[in-house]
Every structure is written in C-alpha cells, then in structure tokens.
Amino acid sequence: MGRSGIRGSRIGAGPSGENERGASVAQVRVTFWCAIGHSTSPIFAASADTPTTWDCRDCHRPAGLDPDSPPALAPAVPFKSHLAYVRDRRSDADAEAILAEALTKLRTAA
C-alpha cells in the first residue's frame, strides 16, 4: 500500500525557522497563588499588562500575585430563571394588564 503524506514532515508541523514565523517576542512568567496554596505560572508578553488576578489551574479559584494574601473567593450567586428576572422588572398589576391586552388581541383576531 502506498503512503499518502509528505516525507520529512509530520501532521501539524508549521513553518520551520523564525524567518517564516516572525521574530519572537520577549516573554515574562508571572506566578499567581490561590487561597489553597496552588501556584499557577502563565507566560505573558513582556510588553503586555499583566492582570492582578488569574484563575487557578488546579481548583479554579481566583489567584493573586501575593502568596501571603490571595484574593477571596467571590460569593456564588444563585441561579435565576428568566421568569425571576421578569418578575423583578414587572409588578403583578403590570402582568395582569399585559395579559388582558394579549387576550383582547387574540379574541378580536379570531
């Protein structure tokens, strides 16, 4: 059986050498610590602004730059349904008026 592929290459191989990809950018590794004590060290471009918080790769809690005082875990907001948001915006009287208007339109259309 014949092989279908390019010799001397592999799947996913990109251009070889810096001349085809462009010059490399200076990089800096920044270490963040979470409240549990995990450390995460992503790499940023040296010219980029580094964030003050980052998500921990192990526990997904917020991690900060200071290992002695990591950011606190944000309080979890309970799930709110679409109906709950509608009830926040409209009173029962508004809902009754909208329902009455919709019923009137339906009865006149039929």
PDB file of N, CA and C in Angstrom:
ATOM      1  N   MET A   1       0.824  -1.176   0.000  1.00  0.00           N
ATOM      2  CA  MET A   1       0.000   0.000   0.000  1.00  0.00           C
ATOM      3  C   MET A   1       0.870   1.242   0.000  1.00  0.00           C
ATOM      4  N   GLY A   2       0.472   2.229  -0.773  1.00  0.00           N
ATOM      5  CA  GLY A   2       1.241   3.463  -0.843  1.00  0.00           C
ATOM      6  C   GLY A   2       0.887   4.393   0.306  1.00  0.00           C
ATOM      7  N   ARG A   3       1.827   5.209   0.656  1.00  0.00           N
ATOM      8  CA  ARG A   3       1.602   6.176   1.727  1.00  0.00           C
ATOM      9  C   ARG A   3       1.208   7.512   1.127  1.00  0.00           C
ATOM     10  N   SER A   4       0.270   8.142   1.746  1.00  0.00           N
ATOM     11  CA  SER A   4      -0.113   9.473   1.279  1.00  0.00           C
ATOM     12  C   SER A   4       0.339  10.476   2.329  1.00  0.00           C
ATOM     13  N   GLY A   5       1.376  11.170   2.080  1.00  0.00           N
ATOM     14  CA  GLY A   5       1.914  12.147   3.008  1.00  0.00           C
ATOM     15  C   GLY A   5       3.174  12.750   2.449  1.00  0.00           C
ATOM     16  N   ILE A   6       3.623  13.765   3.093  1.00  0.00           N
ATOM     17  CA  ILE A   6       4.836  14.427   2.655  1.00  0.00           C
ATOM     18  C   ILE A   6       5.985  13.868   3.471  1.00  0.00           C
ATOM     19  N   ARG A   7       7.033  13.449   2.805  1.00  0.00           N
ATOM     20  CA  ARG A   7       8.185  12.892   3.506  1.00  0.00           C
ATOM     21  C   ARG A   7       8.917  13.982   4.271  1.00  0.00           C
ATOM     22  N   GLY A   8       9.406  13.626   5.433  1.00  0.00           N
ATOM     23  CA  GLY A   8      10.185  14.557   6.231  1.00  0.00           C
ATOM     24  C   GLY A   8       9.347  15.557   7.000  1.00  0.00           C
ATOM     25  N   SER A   9       8.061  15.306   7.114  1.00  0.00           N
ATOM     26  CA  SER A   9       7.185  16.220   7.834  1.00  0.00           C
ATOM     27  C   SER A   9       6.277  15.409   8.742  1.00  0.00           C
ATOM     28  N   ARG A  10       5.556  16.081   9.579  1.00  0.00           N
ATOM     29  CA  ARG A  10       4.592  15.402  10.438  1.00  0.00           C
ATOM     30  C   ARG A  10       3.298  16.195  10.434  1.00  0.00           C
ATOM     31  N   ILE A  11       2.238  15.580  10.891  1.00  0.00           N
ATOM     32  CA  ILE A  11       0.940  16.241  10.928  1.00  0.00           C
ATOM     33  C   ILE A  11       0.999  17.403  11.914  1.00  0.00           C
ATOM     34  N   GLY A  12       0.539  18.558  11.490  1.00  0.00           N
ATOM     35  CA  GLY A  12       0.519  19.716  12.356  1.00  0.00           C
ATOM     36  C   GLY A  12       1.797  20.519  12.365  1.00  0.00           C
ATOM     37  N   ALA A  13       2.780  20.099  11.568  1.00  0.00           N
ATOM     38  CA  ALA A  13       4.050  20.823  11.544  1.00  0.00           C
ATOM     39  C   ALA A  13       3.843  22.181  10.895  1.00  0.00           C
ATOM     40  N   GLY A  14       4.337  23.201  11.530  1.00  0.00           N
ATOM     41  CA  GLY A  14       4.226  24.553  10.993  1.00  0.00           C
ATOM     42  C   GLY A  14       5.464  24.915  10.226  1.00  0.00           C
ATOM     43  N   PRO A  15       5.574  26.180   9.894  1.00  0.00           N
ATOM     44  CA  PRO A  15       6.773  26.624   9.186  1.00  0.00           C
ATOM     45  C   PRO A  15       8.007  26.453  10.058  1.00  0.00           C
ATOM     46  N   SER A  16       9.109  26.150   9.439  1.00  0.00           N
ATOM     47  CA  SER A  16      10.321  25.931  10.213  1.00  0.00           C
ATOM     48  C   SER A  16      11.169  27.187  10.215  1.00  0.00           C
ATOM     49  N   GLY A  17      11.627  27.565  11.374  1.00  0.00           N
ATOM     50  CA  GLY A  17      12.513  28.705  11.485  1.00  0.00           C
ATOM     51  C   GLY A  17      11.785  29.997  11.806  1.00  0.00           C
ATOM     52  N   GLU A  18      12.514  30.921  12.423  1.00  0.00           N
ATOM     53  CA  GLU A  18      11.932  32.199  12.812  1.00  0.00           C
ATOM     54  C   GLU A  18      11.653  33.092  11.624  1.00  0.00           C
ATOM     55  N   ASN A  19      12.400  32.915  10.542  1.00  0.00           N
ATOM     56  CA  ASN A  19      12.233  33.819   9.408  1.00  0.00           C
ATOM     57  C   ASN A  19      10.839  33.708   8.798  1.00  0.00           C
ATOM     58  N   GLU A  20      10.191  32.577   8.902  1.00  0.00           N
ATOM     59  CA  GLU A  20       8.853  32.425   8.350  1.00  0.00           C
ATOM     60  C   GLU A  20       7.767  32.798   9.348  1.00  0.00           C
ATOM     61  N   ARG A  21       8.030  32.682  10.626  1.00  0.00           N
ATOM     62  CA  ARG A  21       7.040  32.985  11.662  1.00  0.00           C
ATOM     63  C   ARG A  21       7.153  34.399  12.191  1.00  0.00           C
ATOM     64  N   GLY A  22       8.257  35.039  12.003  1.00  0.00           N
ATOM     65  CA  GLY A  22       8.486  36.364  12.564  1.00  0.00           C
ATOM     66  C   GLY A  22       9.353  36.257  13.804  1.00  0.00           C
ATOM     67  N   ALA A  23       9.791  37.395  14.282  1.00  0.00           N
ATOM     68  CA  ALA A  23      10.675  37.423  15.447  1.00  0.00           C
ATOM     69  C   ALA A  23       9.906  37.074  16.714  1.00  0.00           C
ATOM     70  N   SER A  24      10.572  36.425  17.652  1.00  0.00           N
ATOM     71  CA  SER A  24       9.954  36.083  18.920  1.00  0.00           C
ATOM     72  C   SER A  24       9.807  37.332  19.783  1.00  0.00           C
ATOM     73  N   VAL A  25       8.775  37.353  20.593  1.00  0.00           N
ATOM     74  CA  VAL A  25       8.519  38.469  21.500  1.00  0.00           C
ATOM     75  C   VAL A  25       9.098  38.116  22.861  1.00  0.00           C
ATOM     76  N   ALA A  26       9.630  39.107  23.549  1.00  0.00           N
ATOM     77  CA  ALA A  26      10.147  38.875  24.897  1.00  0.00           C
ATOM     78  C   ALA A  26       8.996  38.449  25.805  1.00  0.00           C
ATOM     79  N   GLN A  27       9.247  37.438  26.630  1.00  0.00           N
ATOM     80  CA  GLN A  27       8.202  36.872  27.477  1.00  0.00           C
ATOM     81  C   GLN A  27       8.572  37.009  28.942  1.00  0.00           C
ATOM     82  N   VAL A  28       7.534  37.007  29.786  1.00  0.00           N
ATOM     83  CA  VAL A  28       7.742  37.038  31.231  1.00  0.00           C
ATOM     84  C   VAL A  28       6.758  36.043  31.857  1.00  0.00           C
ATOM     85  N   ARG A  29       7.260  35.267  32.805  1.00  0.00           N
ATOM     86  CA  ARG A  29       6.417  34.299  33.519  1.00  0.00           C
ATOM     87  C   ARG A  29       5.992  34.933  34.838  1.00  0.00           C
ATOM     88  N   VAL A  30       4.674  34.983  35.068  1.00  0.00           N
ATOM     89  CA  VAL A  30       4.123  35.591  36.281  1.00  0.00           C
ATOM     90  C   VAL A  30       3.473  34.486  37.109  1.00  0.00           C
ATOM     91  N   THR A  31       3.768  34.445  38.401  1.00  0.00           N
ATOM     92  CA  THR A  31       3.218  33.409  39.279  1.00  0.00           C
ATOM     93  C   THR A  31       2.078  33.986  40.102  1.00  0.00           C
ATOM     94  N   PHE A  32       0.950  33.262  40.118  1.00  0.00           N
ATOM     95  CA  PHE A  32      -0.233  33.622  40.892  1.00  0.00           C
ATOM     96  C   PHE A  32      -0.478  32.518  41.916  1.00  0.00           C
ATOM     97  N   TRP A  33      -0.979  32.891  43.121  1.00  0.00           N
ATOM     98  CA  TRP A  33      -1.288  31.918  44.171  1.00  0.00           C
ATOM     99  C   TRP A  33      -2.743  32.041  44.573  1.00  0.00           C
ATOM    100  N   CYS A  34      -3.395  30.879  44.788  1.00  0.00           N
ATOM    101  CA  CYS A  34      -4.785  30.872  45.242  1.00  0.00           C
ATOM    102  C   CYS A  34      -4.818  30.697  46.756  1.00  0.00           C
ATOM    103  N   ALA A  35      -6.022  30.737  47.330  1.00  0.00           N
ATOM    104  CA  ALA A  35      -6.186  30.646  48.780  1.00  0.00           C
ATOM    105  C   ALA A  35      -5.779  29.279  49.325  1.00  0.00           C
ATOM    106  N   ILE A  36      -5.849  28.239  48.515  1.00  0.00           N
ATOM    107  CA  ILE A  36      -5.480  26.895  48.960  1.00  0.00           C
ATOM    108  C   ILE A  36      -3.962  26.714  48.964  1.00  0.00           C
ATOM    109  N   GLY A  37      -3.247  27.526  48.168  1.00  0.00           N
ATOM    110  CA  GLY A  37      -1.794  27.431  48.113  1.00  0.00           C
ATOM    111  C   GLY A  37      -1.249  26.947  46.788  1.00  0.00           C
ATOM    112  N   HIS A  38      -2.129  26.696  45.820  1.00  0.00           N
ATOM    113  CA  HIS A  38      -1.662  26.297  44.495  1.00  0.00           C
ATOM    114  C   HIS A  38      -0.996  27.483  43.818  1.00  0.00           C
ATOM    115  N   SER A  39      -0.025  27.205  42.962  1.00  0.00           N
ATOM    116  CA  SER A  39       0.590  28.266  42.164  1.00  0.00           C
ATOM    117  C   SER A  39       0.363  27.981  40.691  1.00  0.00           C
ATOM    118  N   THR A  40       0.089  29.033  39.952  1.00  0.00           N
ATOM    119  CA  THR A  40      -0.126  28.969  38.518  1.00  0.00           C
ATOM    120  C   THR A  40       0.806  29.991  37.885  1.00  0.00           C
ATOM    121  N   SER A  41       1.539  29.601  36.857  1.00  0.00           N
ATOM    122  CA  SER A  41       2.523  30.493  36.253  1.00  0.00           C
ATOM    123  C   SER A  41       2.332  30.610  34.748  1.00  0.00           C
ATOM    124  N   PRO A  42       1.374  31.423  34.291  1.00  0.00           N
ATOM    125  CA  PRO A  42       1.227  31.635  32.845  1.00  0.00           C
ATOM    126  C   PRO A  42       2.322  32.548  32.311  1.00  0.00           C
ATOM    127  N   ILE A  43       2.517  32.499  31.014  1.00  0.00           N
ATOM    128  CA  ILE A  43       3.532  33.315  30.357  1.00  0.00           C
ATOM    129  C   ILE A  43       2.830  34.426  29.582  1.00  0.00           C
ATOM    130  N   PHE A  44       3.310  35.662  29.761  1.00  0.00           N
ATOM    131  CA  PHE A  44       2.763  36.818  29.072  1.00  0.00           C
ATOM    132  C   PHE A  44       3.866  37.470  28.252  1.00  0.00           C
ATOM    133  N   ALA A  45       3.464  38.270  27.276  1.00  0.00           N
ATOM    134  CA  ALA A  45       4.420  39.093  26.551  1.00  0.00           C
ATOM    135  C   ALA A  45       4.945  40.144  27.524  1.00  0.00           C
ATOM    136  N   ALA A  46       6.222  40.451  27.444  1.00  0.00           N
ATOM    137  CA  ALA A  46       6.824  41.415  28.370  1.00  0.00           C
ATOM    138  C   ALA A  46       6.195  42.792  28.224  1.00  0.00           C
ATOM    139  N   SER A  47       5.702  43.110  27.035  1.00  0.00           N
ATOM    140  CA  SER A  47       5.109  44.428  26.802  1.00  0.00           C
ATOM    141  C   SER A  47       3.639  44.496  27.234  1.00  0.00           C
ATOM    142  N   ALA A  48       3.024  43.359  27.547  1.00  0.00           N
ATOM    143  CA  ALA A  48       1.607  43.323  27.913  1.00  0.00           C
ATOM    144  C   ALA A  48       1.422  43.681  29.386  1.00  0.00           C
ATOM    145  N   ASP A  49       0.247  44.236  29.694  1.00  0.00           N
ATOM    146  CA  ASP A  49      -0.109  44.494  31.089  1.00  0.00           C
ATOM    147  C   ASP A  49      -0.525  43.176  31.724  1.00  0.00           C
ATOM    148  N   THR A  50       0.098  42.813  32.824  1.00  0.00           N
ATOM    149  CA  THR A  50      -0.258  41.563  33.485  1.00  0.00           C
ATOM    150  C   THR A  50      -1.450  41.796  34.399  1.00  0.00           C
ATOM    151  N   PRO A  51      -2.407  40.883  34.432  1.00  0.00           N
ATOM    152  CA  PRO A  51      -3.575  41.045  35.295  1.00  0.00           C
ATOM    153  C   PRO A  51      -3.210  40.861  36.765  1.00  0.00           C
ATOM    154  N   THR A  52      -4.050  41.391  37.649  1.00  0.00           N
ATOM    155  CA  THR A  52      -3.794  41.245  39.089  1.00  0.00           C
ATOM    156  C   THR A  52      -4.338  39.927  39.615  1.00  0.00           C
ATOM    157  N   THR A  53      -5.324  39.338  38.918  1.00  0.00           N
ATOM    158  CA  THR A  53      -5.863  38.034  39.315  1.00  0.00           C
ATOM    159  C   THR A  53      -5.884  37.112  38.100  1.00  0.00           C
ATOM    160  N   TRP A  54      -5.871  35.807  38.403  1.00  0.00           N
ATOM    161  CA  TRP A  54      -5.873  34.765  37.375  1.00  0.00           C
ATOM    162  C   TRP A  54      -6.565  33.562  37.984  1.00  0.00           C
ATOM    163  N   ASP A  55      -7.252  32.757  37.183  1.00  0.00           N
ATOM    164  CA  ASP A  55      -7.903  31.559  37.709  1.00  0.00           C
ATOM    165  C   ASP A  55      -6.867  30.471  37.948  1.00  0.00           C
ATOM    166  N   CYS A  56      -6.935  29.838  39.116  1.00  0.00           N
ATOM    167  CA  CYS A  56      -6.026  28.738  39.448  1.00  0.00           C
ATOM    168  C   CYS A  56      -6.313  27.565  38.513  1.00  0.00           C
ATOM    169  N   ARG A  57      -5.276  26.956  37.970  1.00  0.00           N
ATOM    170  CA  ARG A  57      -5.475  25.839  37.040  1.00  0.00           C
ATOM    171  C   ARG A  57      -5.882  24.562  37.758  1.00  0.00           C
ATOM    172  N   ASP A  58      -5.657  24.481  39.072  1.00  0.00           N
ATOM    173  CA  ASP A  58      -5.988  23.272  39.820  1.00  0.00           C
ATOM    174  C   ASP A  58      -7.397  23.303  40.404  1.00  0.00           C
ATOM    175  N   CYS A  59      -7.745  24.408  41.080  1.00  0.00           N
ATOM    176  CA  CYS A  59      -9.035  24.452  41.772  1.00  0.00           C
ATOM    177  C   CYS A  59      -9.988  25.505  41.199  1.00  0.00           C
ATOM    178  N   HIS A  60      -9.557  26.261  40.209  1.00  0.00           N
ATOM    179  CA  HIS A  60     -10.364  27.271  39.518  1.00  0.00           C
ATOM    180  C   HIS A  60     -10.825  28.410  40.427  1.00  0.00           C
ATOM    181  N   ARG A  61     -10.161  28.598  41.552  1.00  0.00           N
ATOM    182  CA  ARG A  61     -10.440  29.744  42.416  1.00  0.00           C
ATOM    183  C   ARG A  61      -9.619  30.922  41.907  1.00  0.00           C
ATOM    184  N   PRO A  62      -9.984  32.147  42.318  1.00  0.00           N
ATOM    185  CA  PRO A  62      -9.158  33.277  41.910  1.00  0.00           C
ATOM    186  C   PRO A  62      -7.789  33.219  42.584  1.00  0.00           C
ATOM    187  N   ALA A  63      -6.763  33.570  41.840  1.00  0.00           N
ATOM    188  CA  ALA A  63      -5.395  33.566  42.355  1.00  0.00           C
ATOM    189  C   ALA A  63      -4.813  34.961  42.167  1.00  0.00           C
ATOM    190  N   GLY A  64      -3.985  35.385  43.113  1.00  0.00           N
ATOM    191  CA  GLY A  64      -3.394  36.715  43.067  1.00  0.00           C
ATOM    192  C   GLY A  64      -1.882  36.671  43.047  1.00  0.00           C
ATOM    193  N   LEU A  65      -1.291  37.844  42.949  1.00  0.00           N
ATOM    194  CA  LEU A  65       0.167  37.953  42.849  1.00  0.00           C
ATOM    195  C   LEU A  65       0.870  37.785  44.194  1.00  0.00           C
ATOM    196  N   ASP A  66       0.175  38.044  45.299  1.00  0.00           N
ATOM    197  CA  ASP A  66       0.782  37.968  46.631  1.00  0.00           C
ATOM    198  C   ASP A  66       0.457  36.614  47.264  1.00  0.00           C
ATOM    199  N   PRO A  67       1.469  35.775  47.520  1.00  0.00           N
ATOM    200  CA  PRO A  67       1.178  34.451  48.090  1.00  0.00           C
ATOM    201  C   PRO A  67       0.654  34.528  49.524  1.00  0.00           C
ATOM    202  N   ASP A  68       0.946  35.622  50.237  1.00  0.00           N
ATOM    203  CA  ASP A  68       0.508  35.735  51.630  1.00  0.00           C
ATOM    204  C   ASP A  68      -0.934  36.228  51.760  1.00  0.00           C
ATOM    205  N   SER A  69      -1.452  36.912  50.763  1.00  0.00           N
ATOM    206  CA  SER A  69      -2.851  37.358  50.829  1.00  0.00           C
ATOM    207  C   SER A  69      -3.517  37.163  49.467  1.00  0.00           C
ATOM    208  N   PRO A  70      -3.915  35.914  49.168  1.00  0.00           N
ATOM    209  CA  PRO A  70      -4.589  35.641  47.895  1.00  0.00           C
ATOM    210  C   PRO A  70      -6.001  36.232  47.909  1.00  0.00           C
ATOM    211  N   PRO A  71      -6.592  36.472  46.740  1.00  0.00           N
ATOM    212  CA  PRO A  71      -7.942  37.037  46.695  1.00  0.00           C
ATOM    213  C   PRO A  71      -8.969  36.074  47.283  1.00  0.00           C
ATOM    214  N   ALA A  72     -10.007  36.652  47.871  1.00  0.00           N
ATOM    215  CA  ALA A  72     -11.074  35.848  48.468  1.00  0.00           C
ATOM    216  C   ALA A  72     -11.961  35.273  47.377  1.00  0.00           C
ATOM    217  N   LEU A  73     -12.581  34.177  47.684  1.00  0.00           N
ATOM    218  CA  LEU A  73     -13.496  33.539  46.757  1.00  0.00           C
ATOM    219  C   LEU A  73     -14.752  34.388  46.646  1.00  0.00           C
ATOM    220  N   ALA A  74     -15.154  34.706  45.444  1.00  0.00           N
ATOM    221  CA  ALA A  74     -16.351  35.524  45.230  1.00  0.00           C
ATOM    222  C   ALA A  74     -17.583  34.727  45.650  1.00  0.00           C
ATOM    223  N   PRO A  75     -18.543  35.384  46.294  1.00  0.00           N
ATOM    224  CA  PRO A  75     -19.747  34.653  46.700  1.00  0.00           C
ATOM    225  C   PRO A  75     -20.517  34.167  45.479  1.00  0.00           C
ATOM    226  N   ALA A  76     -21.019  32.969  45.575  1.00  0.00           N
ATOM    227  CA  ALA A  76     -21.766  32.376  44.467  1.00  0.00           C
ATOM    228  C   ALA A  76     -23.166  32.988  44.408  1.00  0.00           C
ATOM    229  N   VAL A  77     -23.535  33.414  43.210  1.00  0.00           N
ATOM    230  CA  VAL A  77     -24.857  33.988  43.004  1.00  0.00           C
ATOM    231  C   VAL A  77     -25.794  32.850  42.625  1.00  0.00           C
ATOM    232  N   PRO A  78     -26.933  32.723  43.320  1.00  0.00           N
ATOM    233  CA  PRO A  78     -27.842  31.628  42.977  1.00  0.00           C
ATOM    234  C   PRO A  78     -28.405  31.795  41.568  1.00  0.00           C
ATOM    235  N   PHE A  79     -28.747  30.680  40.951  1.00  0.00           N
ATOM    236  CA  PHE A  79     -29.306  30.688  39.601  1.00  0.00           C
ATOM    237  C   PHE A  79     -30.645  31.397  39.608  1.00  0.00           C
ATOM    238  N   LYS A  80     -30.841  32.228  38.601  1.00  0.00           N
ATOM    239  CA  LYS A  80     -32.090  32.960  38.470  1.00  0.00           C
ATOM    240  C   LYS A  80     -32.685  32.638  37.109  1.00  0.00           C
ATOM    241  N   SER A  81     -33.943  32.227  37.078  1.00  0.00           N
ATOM    242  CA  SER A  81     -34.586  31.884  35.817  1.00  0.00           C
ATOM    243  C   SER A  81     -35.038  33.150  35.093  1.00  0.00           C
ATOM    244  N   HIS A  82     -35.435  32.980  33.846  1.00  0.00           N
ATOM    245  CA  HIS A  82     -35.940  34.099  33.061  1.00  0.00           C
ATOM    246  C   HIS A  82     -37.175  34.696  33.726  1.00  0.00           C
ATOM    247  N   LEU A  83     -38.031  33.830  34.243  1.00  0.00           N
ATOM    248  CA  LEU A  83     -39.248  34.303  34.897  1.00  0.00           C
ATOM    249  C   LEU A  83     -38.920  35.147  36.135  1.00  0.00           C
ATOM    250  N   ALA A  84     -37.893  34.780  36.857  1.00  0.00           N
ATOM    251  CA  ALA A  84     -37.499  35.566  38.031  1.00  0.00           C
ATOM    252  C   ALA A  84     -37.043  36.960  37.622  1.00  0.00           C
ATOM    253  N   TYR A  85     -36.306  37.064  36.503  1.00  0.00           N
ATOM    254  CA  TYR A  85     -35.889  38.381  36.018  1.00  0.00           C
ATOM    255  C   TYR A  85     -37.100  39.204  35.571  1.00  0.00           C
ATOM    256  N   VAL A  86     -38.073  38.558  34.920  1.00  0.00           N
ATOM    257  CA  VAL A  86     -39.289  39.265  34.502  1.00  0.00           C
ATOM    258  C   VAL A  86     -40.042  39.758  35.727  1.00  0.00           C
ATOM    259  N   ARG A  87     -40.135  38.943  36.763  1.00  0.00           N
ATOM    260  CA  ARG A  87     -40.837  39.356  37.984  1.00  0.00           C
ATOM    261  C   ARG A  87     -40.121  40.513  38.681  1.00  0.00           C
ATOM    262  N   ASP A  88     -38.790  40.595  38.528  1.00  0.00           N
ATOM    263  CA  ASP A  88     -38.059  41.727  39.085  1.00  0.00           C
ATOM    264  C   ASP A  88     -38.416  43.024  38.372  1.00  0.00           C
ATOM    265  N   ARG A  89     -38.657  42.938  37.063  1.00  0.00           N
ATOM    266  CA  ARG A  89     -38.929  44.138  36.263  1.00  0.00           C
ATOM    267  C   ARG A  89     -40.382  44.580  36.319  1.00  0.00           C
ATOM    268  N   ARG A  90     -41.311  43.650  36.485  1.00  0.00           N
ATOM    269  CA  ARG A  90     -42.733  43.975  36.390  1.00  0.00           C
ATOM    270  C   ARG A  90     -43.476  43.578  37.656  1.00  0.00           C
ATOM    271  N   SER A  91     -44.472  44.386  37.983  1.00  0.00           N
ATOM    272  CA  SER A  91     -45.329  44.073  39.138  1.00  0.00           C
ATOM    273  C   SER A  91     -46.459  43.161  38.679  1.00  0.00           C
ATOM    274  N   ASP A  92     -47.232  42.644  39.633  1.00  0.00           N
ATOM    275  CA  ASP A  92     -48.372  41.794  39.299  1.00  0.00           C
ATOM    276  C   ASP A  92     -49.416  42.568  38.514  1.00  0.00           C
ATOM    277  N   ALA A  93     -49.596  43.852  38.838  1.00  0.00           N
ATOM    278  CA  ALA A  93     -50.566  44.681  38.113  1.00  0.00           C
ATOM    279  C   ALA A  93     -50.150  44.840  36.650  1.00  0.00           C
ATOM    280  N   ASP A  94     -48.844  45.038  36.407  1.00  0.00           N
ATOM    281  CA  ASP A  94     -48.351  45.132  35.031  1.00  0.00           C
ATOM    282  C   ASP A  94     -48.590  43.830  34.283  1.00  0.00           C
ATOM    283  N   ALA A  95     -48.351  42.715  34.933  1.00  0.00           N
ATOM    284  CA  ALA A  95     -48.556  41.409  34.300  1.00  0.00           C
ATOM    285  C   ALA A  95     -50.022  41.202  33.941  1.00  0.00           C
ATOM    286  N   GLU A  96     -50.925  41.586  34.829  1.00  0.00           N
ATOM    287  CA  GLU A  96     -52.362  41.467  34.545  1.00  0.00           C
ATOM    288  C   GLU A  96     -52.756  42.334  33.353  1.00  0.00           C
ATOM    289  N   ALA A  97     -52.230  43.549  33.264  1.00  0.00           N
ATOM    290  CA  ALA A  97     -52.559  44.441  32.149  1.00  0.00           C
ATOM    291  C   ALA A  97     -52.041  43.880  30.828  1.00  0.00           C
ATOM    292  N   ILE A  98     -50.833  43.324  30.821  1.00  0.00           N
ATOM    293  CA  ILE A  98     -50.260  42.744  29.606  1.00  0.00           C
ATOM    294  C   ILE A  98     -51.051  41.521  29.178  1.00  0.00           C
ATOM    295  N   LEU A  99     -51.448  40.692  30.142  1.00  0.00           N
ATOM    296  CA  LEU A  99     -52.253  39.502  29.842  1.00  0.00           C
ATOM    297  C   LEU A  99     -53.607  39.896  29.270  1.00  0.00           C
ATOM    298  N   ALA A 100     -54.249  40.885  29.858  1.00  0.00           N
ATOM    299  CA  ALA A 100     -55.553  41.333  29.361  1.00  0.00           C
ATOM    300  C   ALA A 100     -55.438  41.872  27.936  1.00  0.00           C
ATOM    301  N   GLU A 101     -54.386  42.611  27.659  1.00  0.00           N
ATOM    302  CA  GLU A 101     -54.184  43.153  26.306  1.00  0.00           C
ATOM    303  C   GLU A 101     -53.951  42.026  25.309  1.00  0.00           C
ATOM    304  N   ALA A 102     -53.168  41.024  25.664  1.00  0.00           N
ATOM    305  CA  ALA A 102     -52.901  39.904  24.770  1.00  0.00           C
ATOM    306  C   ALA A 102     -54.178  39.095  24.509  1.00  0.00           C
ATOM    307  N   LEU A 103     -54.976  38.888  25.548  1.00  0.00           N
ATOM    308  CA  LEU A 103     -56.239  38.154  25.371  1.00  0.00           C
ATOM    309  C   LEU A 103     -57.201  38.926  24.478  1.00  0.00           C
ATOM    310  N   THR A 104     -57.268  40.220  24.598  1.00  0.00           N
ATOM    311  CA  THR A 104     -58.129  41.037  23.769  1.00  0.00           C
ATOM    312  C   THR A 104     -57.713  40.935  22.308  1.00  0.00           C
ATOM    313  N   LYS A 105     -56.409  40.977  22.036  1.00  0.00           N
ATOM    314  CA  LYS A 105     -55.921  40.834  20.670  1.00  0.00           C
ATOM    315  C   LYS A 105     -56.274  39.477  20.091  1.00  0.00           C
ATOM    316  N   LEU A 106     -56.150  38.420  20.896  1.00  0.00           N
ATOM    317  CA  LEU A 106     -56.471  37.078  20.435  1.00  0.00           C
ATOM    318  C   LEU A 106     -57.959  36.929  20.122  1.00  0.00           C
ATOM    319  N   ARG A 107     -58.785  37.492  20.972  1.00  0.00           N
ATOM    320  CA  ARG A 107     -60.253  37.349  20.784  1.00  0.00           C
ATOM    321  C   ARG A 107     -60.722  38.150  19.580  1.00  0.00           C
ATOM    322  N   THR A 108     -60.117  39.297  19.299  1.00  0.00           N
ATOM    323  CA  THR A 108     -60.543  40.087  18.144  1.00  0.00           C
ATOM    324  C   THR A 108     -60.015  39.509  16.842  1.00  0.00           C
ATOM    325  N   ALA A 109     -58.883  38.805  16.881  1.00  0.00           N
ATOM    326  CA  ALA A 109     -58.296  38.212  15.682  1.00  0.00           C
ATOM    327  C   ALA A 109     -59.055  36.957  15.250  1.00  0.00           C
ATOM    328  N   ALA A 110     -59.722  36.298  16.147  1.00  0.00           N
ATOM    329  CA  ALA A 110     -60.391  35.023  15.821  1.00  0.00           C
ATOM    330  C   ALA A 110     -61.762  35.201  15.258  1.00  0.00           C
TER     331      ALA A 110
END
